[in-house]
Amino acid sequence: MVLPNHAGPQSCSRSPIQAAWASLARFRARFNSGAIPRSDVLLQALPLIRARITGIWVGRDAFTASRPERVEEYRRVLASVQPDLDFRVITGSGHWTTYEAADEVNAALFDTLRANRI
């Protein structure tokens, strides 16, 4: 799936978001997490975000370990509304990445805070 490179949230049509959702909707959680994972509510909200987006993904999660190309799909979805987002992959970590790779997660968060002067 290739999404167009948009100038910003105001220029993001729903069609790239719908295409991304169609591609990602087939994946399910291993637990009952309600309707959000099966809906497109989060994808519809992406163009409304005015803050900087930082994505921290992992390489050994149940959703990414067997299909690493999914991480690139997630990056493309976020980049469709914010092309210059900070997107990082912590390859040696799984779902509990804040515990498994605390130093890397903390470094990423501090970098984000410093870059945004918060």
C-alpha atoms as a PDB file:
ATOM      1  CA  MET A   1       0.000   0.000   0.000  1.00  0.00           C
ATOM      2  CA  VAL A   2       1.452   3.358  -0.980  1.00  0.00           C
ATOM      3  CA  LEU A   3      -0.146   6.517   0.298  1.00  0.00           C
ATOM      4  CA  PRO A   4       0.395   9.921  -1.300  1.00  0.00           C
ATOM      5  CA  ASN A   5       2.689  12.390   0.402  1.00  0.00           C
ATOM      6  CA  HIS A   6       0.454  15.192   1.718  1.00  0.00           C
ATOM      7  CA  ALA A   7       1.443  18.686   2.707  1.00  0.00           C
ATOM      8  CA  GLY A   8      -0.418  18.425   5.982  1.00  0.00           C
ATOM      9  CA  PRO A   9      -3.606  17.329   7.709  1.00  0.00           C
ATOM     10  CA  GLN A  10      -5.715  19.889   5.890  1.00  0.00           C
ATOM     11  CA  SER A  11      -4.866  18.281   2.533  1.00  0.00           C
ATOM     12  CA  CYS A  12      -5.402  14.669   3.596  1.00  0.00           C
ATOM     13  CA  SER A  13      -8.480  13.255   1.938  1.00  0.00           C
ATOM     14  CA  ARG A  14     -10.335  10.373   3.495  1.00  0.00           C
ATOM     15  CA  SER A  15      -9.406   8.026   0.663  1.00  0.00           C
ATOM     16  CA  PRO A  16      -5.807   7.332   1.844  1.00  0.00           C
ATOM     17  CA  ILE A  17      -7.086   6.796   5.363  1.00  0.00           C
ATOM     18  CA  GLN A  18      -9.788   4.450   4.165  1.00  0.00           C
ATOM     19  CA  ALA A  19      -7.258   2.546   2.056  1.00  0.00           C
ATOM     20  CA  ALA A  20      -4.919   2.230   5.021  1.00  0.00           C
ATOM     21  CA  TRP A  21      -7.725   1.016   7.245  1.00  0.00           C
ATOM     22  CA  ALA A  22      -8.817  -1.572   4.702  1.00  0.00           C
ATOM     23  CA  SER A  23      -5.273  -2.907   4.635  1.00  0.00           C
ATOM     24  CA  LEU A  24      -4.842  -2.992   8.416  1.00  0.00           C
ATOM     25  CA  ALA A  25      -8.350  -3.987   9.520  1.00  0.00           C
ATOM     26  CA  ARG A  26      -7.773  -7.684   8.973  1.00  0.00           C
ATOM     27  CA  PHE A  27      -5.464  -7.879  11.996  1.00  0.00           C
ATOM     28  CA  ARG A  28      -7.112  -8.594  15.341  1.00  0.00           C
ATOM     29  CA  ALA A  29      -6.028  -8.216  18.944  1.00  0.00           C
ATOM     30  CA  ARG A  30      -5.460 -11.284  21.111  1.00  0.00           C
ATOM     31  CA  PHE A  31      -7.844  -9.920  23.744  1.00  0.00           C
ATOM     32  CA  ASN A  32     -11.186  -8.119  23.812  1.00  0.00           C
ATOM     33  CA  SER A  33     -10.204  -4.494  23.407  1.00  0.00           C
ATOM     34  CA  GLY A  34     -13.620  -3.213  22.441  1.00  0.00           C
ATOM     35  CA  ALA A  35     -14.712  -1.779  19.111  1.00  0.00           C
ATOM     36  CA  ILE A  36     -11.825   0.638  18.523  1.00  0.00           C
ATOM     37  CA  PRO A  37      -9.476  -1.862  16.793  1.00  0.00           C
ATOM     38  CA  ARG A  38     -12.279  -2.898  14.440  1.00  0.00           C
ATOM     39  CA  SER A  39     -13.382   0.632  13.655  1.00  0.00           C
ATOM     40  CA  ASP A  40     -11.730   3.415  11.717  1.00  0.00           C
ATOM     41  CA  VAL A  41     -12.274   6.009  14.474  1.00  0.00           C
ATOM     42  CA  LEU A  42      -8.539   6.476  15.103  1.00  0.00           C
ATOM     43  CA  LEU A  43      -7.759   6.786  11.405  1.00  0.00           C
ATOM     44  CA  GLN A  44     -10.496   9.385  11.010  1.00  0.00           C
ATOM     45  CA  ALA A  45      -8.983  11.366  13.882  1.00  0.00           C
ATOM     46  CA  LEU A  46      -5.459  11.490  12.399  1.00  0.00           C
ATOM     47  CA  PRO A  47      -6.076  14.496  10.103  1.00  0.00           C
ATOM     48  CA  LEU A  48      -7.363  16.454  13.110  1.00  0.00           C
ATOM     49  CA  ILE A  49      -4.095  16.145  15.034  1.00  0.00           C
ATOM     50  CA  ARG A  50      -2.274  19.482  15.215  1.00  0.00           C
ATOM     51  CA  ALA A  51       0.574  18.323  17.482  1.00  0.00           C
ATOM     52  CA  ARG A  52       3.799  16.664  16.360  1.00  0.00           C
ATOM     53  CA  ILE A  53       3.413  12.911  15.936  1.00  0.00           C
ATOM     54  CA  THR A  54       6.080  10.561  17.236  1.00  0.00           C
ATOM     55  CA  GLY A  55       5.656   6.878  16.453  1.00  0.00           C
ATOM     56  CA  ILE A  56       7.512   4.269  18.497  1.00  0.00           C
ATOM     57  CA  TRP A  57       7.000   0.780  17.133  1.00  0.00           C
ATOM     58  CA  VAL A  58       8.574  -2.546  18.015  1.00  0.00           C
ATOM     59  CA  GLY A  59       9.871  -5.451  15.980  1.00  0.00           C
ATOM     60  CA  ARG A  60       8.818  -8.391  18.140  1.00  0.00           C
ATOM     61  CA  ASP A  61       5.156  -7.628  18.822  1.00  0.00           C
ATOM     62  CA  ALA A  62       2.456 -10.164  17.904  1.00  0.00           C
ATOM     63  CA  PHE A  63       1.371  -7.849  15.084  1.00  0.00           C
ATOM     64  CA  THR A  64       4.825  -7.155  13.661  1.00  0.00           C
ATOM     65  CA  ALA A  65       7.102 -10.142  14.297  1.00  0.00           C
ATOM     66  CA  SER A  66       5.664 -12.371  11.595  1.00  0.00           C
ATOM     67  CA  ARG A  67       5.003  -9.537   9.137  1.00  0.00           C
ATOM     68  CA  PRO A  68       7.601  -6.780   9.548  1.00  0.00           C
ATOM     69  CA  GLU A  69       6.203  -4.952   6.515  1.00  0.00           C
ATOM     70  CA  ARG A  70       3.280  -3.922   8.744  1.00  0.00           C
ATOM     71  CA  VAL A  71       5.550  -1.468  10.554  1.00  0.00           C
ATOM     72  CA  GLU A  72       6.164   0.306   7.247  1.00  0.00           C
ATOM     73  CA  GLU A  73       2.404   0.357   6.623  1.00  0.00           C
ATOM     74  CA  TYR A  74       1.863   2.024   9.998  1.00  0.00           C
ATOM     75  CA  ARG A  75       4.589   4.578   9.248  1.00  0.00           C
ATOM     76  CA  ARG A  76       2.986   5.387   5.895  1.00  0.00           C
ATOM     77  CA  VAL A  77      -0.431   5.872   7.491  1.00  0.00           C
ATOM     78  CA  LEU A  78       0.968   8.353  10.019  1.00  0.00           C
ATOM     79  CA  ALA A  79       3.131  10.055   7.378  1.00  0.00           C
ATOM     80  CA  SER A  80       0.047  10.564   5.204  1.00  0.00           C
ATOM     81  CA  VAL A  81      -1.020  13.284   7.650  1.00  0.00           C
ATOM     82  CA  GLN A  82       2.412  14.348   8.912  1.00  0.00           C
ATOM     83  CA  PRO A  83       5.176  13.508   6.402  1.00  0.00           C
ATOM     84  CA  ASP A  84       8.029  14.647   8.666  1.00  0.00           C
ATOM     85  CA  LEU A  85       6.938  12.698  11.747  1.00  0.00           C
ATOM     86  CA  ASP A  86       9.506  11.097  14.037  1.00  0.00           C
ATOM     87  CA  PHE A  87       9.003   7.346  13.562  1.00  0.00           C
ATOM     88  CA  ARG A  88      11.263   4.864  15.329  1.00  0.00           C
ATOM     89  CA  VAL A  89      11.396   1.093  15.462  1.00  0.00           C
ATOM     90  CA  ILE A  90      12.871  -0.688  18.469  1.00  0.00           C
ATOM     91  CA  THR A  91      13.725  -3.983  16.815  1.00  0.00           C
ATOM     92  CA  GLY A  92      14.694  -6.093  19.810  1.00  0.00           C
ATOM     93  CA  SER A  93      11.581  -5.385  21.844  1.00  0.00           C
ATOM     94  CA  GLY A  94       8.031  -6.684  22.020  1.00  0.00           C
ATOM     95  CA  HIS A  95       4.693  -5.443  23.306  1.00  0.00           C
ATOM     96  CA  TRP A  96       6.126  -4.443  26.706  1.00  0.00           C
ATOM     97  CA  THR A  97       8.744  -2.197  25.141  1.00  0.00           C
ATOM     98  CA  THR A  98       8.715   0.400  27.928  1.00  0.00           C
ATOM     99  CA  TYR A  99       9.906  -2.397  30.227  1.00  0.00           C
ATOM    100  CA  GLU A 100      12.013  -4.393  27.752  1.00  0.00           C
ATOM    101  CA  ALA A 101      13.824  -1.410  26.218  1.00  0.00           C
ATOM    102  CA  ALA A 102      13.312   1.385  28.736  1.00  0.00           C
ATOM    103  CA  ASP A 103      16.518   3.230  27.819  1.00  0.00           C
ATOM    104  CA  GLU A 104      15.614   3.375  24.118  1.00  0.00           C
ATOM    105  CA  VAL A 105      12.024   4.443  24.788  1.00  0.00           C
ATOM    106  CA  ASN A 106      13.135   7.123  27.258  1.00  0.00           C
ATOM    107  CA  ALA A 107      15.724   8.436  24.782  1.00  0.00           C
ATOM    108  CA  ALA A 108      13.060   8.676  22.076  1.00  0.00           C
ATOM    109  CA  LEU A 109      10.666  10.493  24.380  1.00  0.00           C
ATOM    110  CA  PHE A 110      13.345  12.923  25.576  1.00  0.00           C
ATOM    111  CA  ASP A 111      14.354  13.594  21.947  1.00  0.00           C
ATOM    112  CA  THR A 112      10.725  14.387  21.144  1.00  0.00           C
ATOM    113  CA  LEU A 113      10.355  16.681  24.117  1.00  0.00           C
ATOM    114  CA  ARG A 114      13.600  18.516  23.319  1.00  0.00           C
ATOM    115  CA  ALA A 115      12.668  18.880  19.643  1.00  0.00           C
ATOM    116  CA  ASN A 116       9.307  20.361  20.564  1.00  0.00           C
ATOM    117  CA  ARG A 117      10.621  22.468  23.455  1.00  0.00           C
ATOM    118  CA  ILE A 118       8.147  21.097  25.955  1.00  0.00           C
END
